[in-house]
Amino acid sequence: EVQLVESGGGLVQPGGSLRLSCAASGFTFGSYDMSWVRQAPGKGPEWVSGINGGGNSPNYADSVKGRFTISRDNAKNTLYLQMNSPKQEDKAVYYCANYGMGYWGKGTLVTVSS
């Protein structure tokens, strides 16, 4: 059974930092590209960042480029998103996604507020 379980969300101040994690199981993690997707209140899903199976080719949406860093540890079957200098517009539920297999996690809420 494929499972993607996000953690690490919470309240963060603007300009602070937060690291999201996604624990994956039920598939060969290192064989798949992985992504982070977010959905802000009242809006549709927005792709945030993606990384290839080997972890050496990250990509970012313009809205987070230079502030967020995606990474993965294939030995631990875990995907990460380091969020630096978050802005209020980054408030959203963040989902870990395996598009290739069509699976998303249940998400973790990030709130940015002073």
Protein backbone atom coordinates (compact mmCIF):
# COMPACT_ATOMS: atom_id res chain seq x y z
CA GLU A 1 0.00 0.00 0.00
CA VAL A 2 1.41 3.37 -1.03
CA GLN A 3 1.55 5.89 1.81
CA LEU A 4 2.78 9.47 1.85
CA VAL A 5 2.70 11.07 5.29
CA GLU A 6 3.58 14.73 5.67
CA SER A 7 4.74 16.34 8.91
CA GLY A 8 6.40 19.49 10.16
CA GLY A 9 3.69 22.02 9.48
CA GLY A 10 2.64 24.64 11.98
CA LEU A 11 2.82 28.33 12.74
CA VAL A 12 5.87 30.20 11.53
CA GLN A 13 6.65 33.90 11.63
CA PRO A 14 7.37 35.80 8.42
CA GLY A 15 11.10 35.60 7.83
CA GLY A 16 11.45 32.48 9.94
CA SER A 17 12.02 28.93 8.76
CA LEU A 18 10.25 25.60 8.76
CA ARG A 19 11.07 22.16 7.39
CA LEU A 20 8.41 19.85 6.06
CA SER A 21 8.96 16.12 5.77
CA CYS A 22 7.17 13.41 3.82
CA ALA A 23 7.65 9.79 4.80
CA ALA A 24 7.02 7.47 1.86
CA SER A 25 6.30 3.75 1.86
CA GLY A 26 4.83 1.06 -0.37
CA PHE A 27 6.92 1.81 -3.45
CA THR A 28 10.54 2.11 -4.54
CA PHE A 29 11.01 5.71 -3.44
CA GLY A 30 14.25 6.42 -5.25
CA SER A 31 12.76 5.40 -8.59
CA TYR A 32 10.22 8.22 -8.67
CA ASP A 33 10.27 11.96 -9.08
CA MET A 34 8.49 13.61 -6.16
CA SER A 35 6.77 16.94 -5.73
CA TRP A 36 5.37 19.33 -3.18
CA VAL A 37 2.02 20.89 -3.98
CA ARG A 38 0.10 23.40 -1.88
CA GLN A 39 -3.44 24.63 -1.64
CA ALA A 40 -4.23 27.94 -0.04
CA PRO A 41 -7.66 28.64 1.45
CA GLY A 42 -10.19 29.21 -1.32
CA LYS A 43 -7.71 28.51 -4.10
CA GLY A 44 -6.80 25.58 -6.33
CA PRO A 45 -3.71 23.41 -5.97
CA GLU A 46 -0.38 25.00 -6.86
CA TRP A 47 2.73 23.02 -7.72
CA VAL A 48 5.58 24.27 -5.51
CA SER A 49 8.64 22.16 -6.23
CA GLY A 50 9.78 18.85 -7.66
CA ILE A 51 12.86 16.69 -7.58
CA ASN A 52 14.04 13.74 -9.65
CA GLY A 53 14.59 10.28 -8.21
CA GLY A 54 18.32 10.79 -7.81
CA GLY A 55 17.85 14.05 -5.97
CA ASN A 56 20.18 16.09 -8.14
CA SER A 57 17.69 18.02 -10.23
CA PRO A 58 15.30 20.20 -8.23
CA ASN A 59 12.78 22.57 -9.76
CA TYR A 60 10.77 25.38 -8.21
CA ALA A 61 7.79 27.57 -8.88
CA ASP A 62 8.77 31.19 -9.37
CA SER A 63 6.79 32.10 -6.25
CA VAL A 64 9.18 30.14 -3.98
CA LYS A 65 12.44 30.14 -5.92
CA GLY A 66 15.34 31.30 -3.76
CA ARG A 67 13.39 30.78 -0.52
CA PHE A 68 12.42 27.09 -0.49
CA THR A 69 14.70 24.09 -0.97
CA ILE A 70 13.52 20.60 -1.86
CA SER A 71 15.63 17.57 -1.04
CA ARG A 72 15.28 13.86 -0.48
CA ASP A 73 16.97 11.06 1.44
CA ASN A 74 16.40 7.87 -0.51
CA ALA A 75 17.94 5.76 2.25
CA LYS A 76 15.23 7.05 4.60
CA ASN A 77 12.44 7.17 1.98
CA THR A 78 11.83 10.78 2.95
CA LEU A 79 11.18 13.97 1.01
CA TYR A 80 11.84 17.40 2.53
CA LEU A 81 10.91 21.01 1.91
CA GLN A 82 12.97 23.64 3.70
CA MET A 83 10.99 26.85 3.86
CA ASN A 84 13.06 29.95 4.55
CA SER A 85 11.75 33.49 4.78
CA PRO A 86 8.13 32.44 4.41
CA LYS A 87 5.56 35.06 3.52
CA GLN A 88 1.92 35.28 4.50
CA GLU A 89 0.97 34.17 1.00
CA ASP A 90 2.76 30.86 1.65
CA LYS A 91 0.01 29.89 4.07
CA ALA A 92 -1.50 26.68 2.72
CA VAL A 93 -1.89 22.97 3.17
CA TYR A 94 1.25 21.37 1.74
CA TYR A 95 1.00 17.98 0.08
CA CYS A 96 3.67 15.51 -0.91
CA ALA A 97 2.88 13.98 -4.30
CA ASN A 98 4.00 11.11 -6.48
CA TYR A 99 2.51 12.15 -9.81
CA GLY A 100 3.85 9.12 -11.61
CA MET A 101 1.79 6.77 -9.48
CA GLY A 102 -1.03 9.22 -8.82
CA TYR A 103 -0.69 9.45 -5.05
CA TRP A 104 -0.83 12.44 -2.70
CA GLY A 105 -0.52 12.56 1.05
CA LYS A 106 -3.14 14.05 3.37
CA GLY A 107 -1.20 17.27 3.78
CA THR A 108 0.22 19.41 6.56
CA LEU A 109 -0.95 22.95 7.31
CA VAL A 110 1.51 25.84 7.29
CA THR A 111 0.39 29.14 8.74
CA VAL A 112 2.56 32.23 8.40
CA SER A 113 1.76 34.94 10.89
CA SER A 114 3.44 37.30 13.28
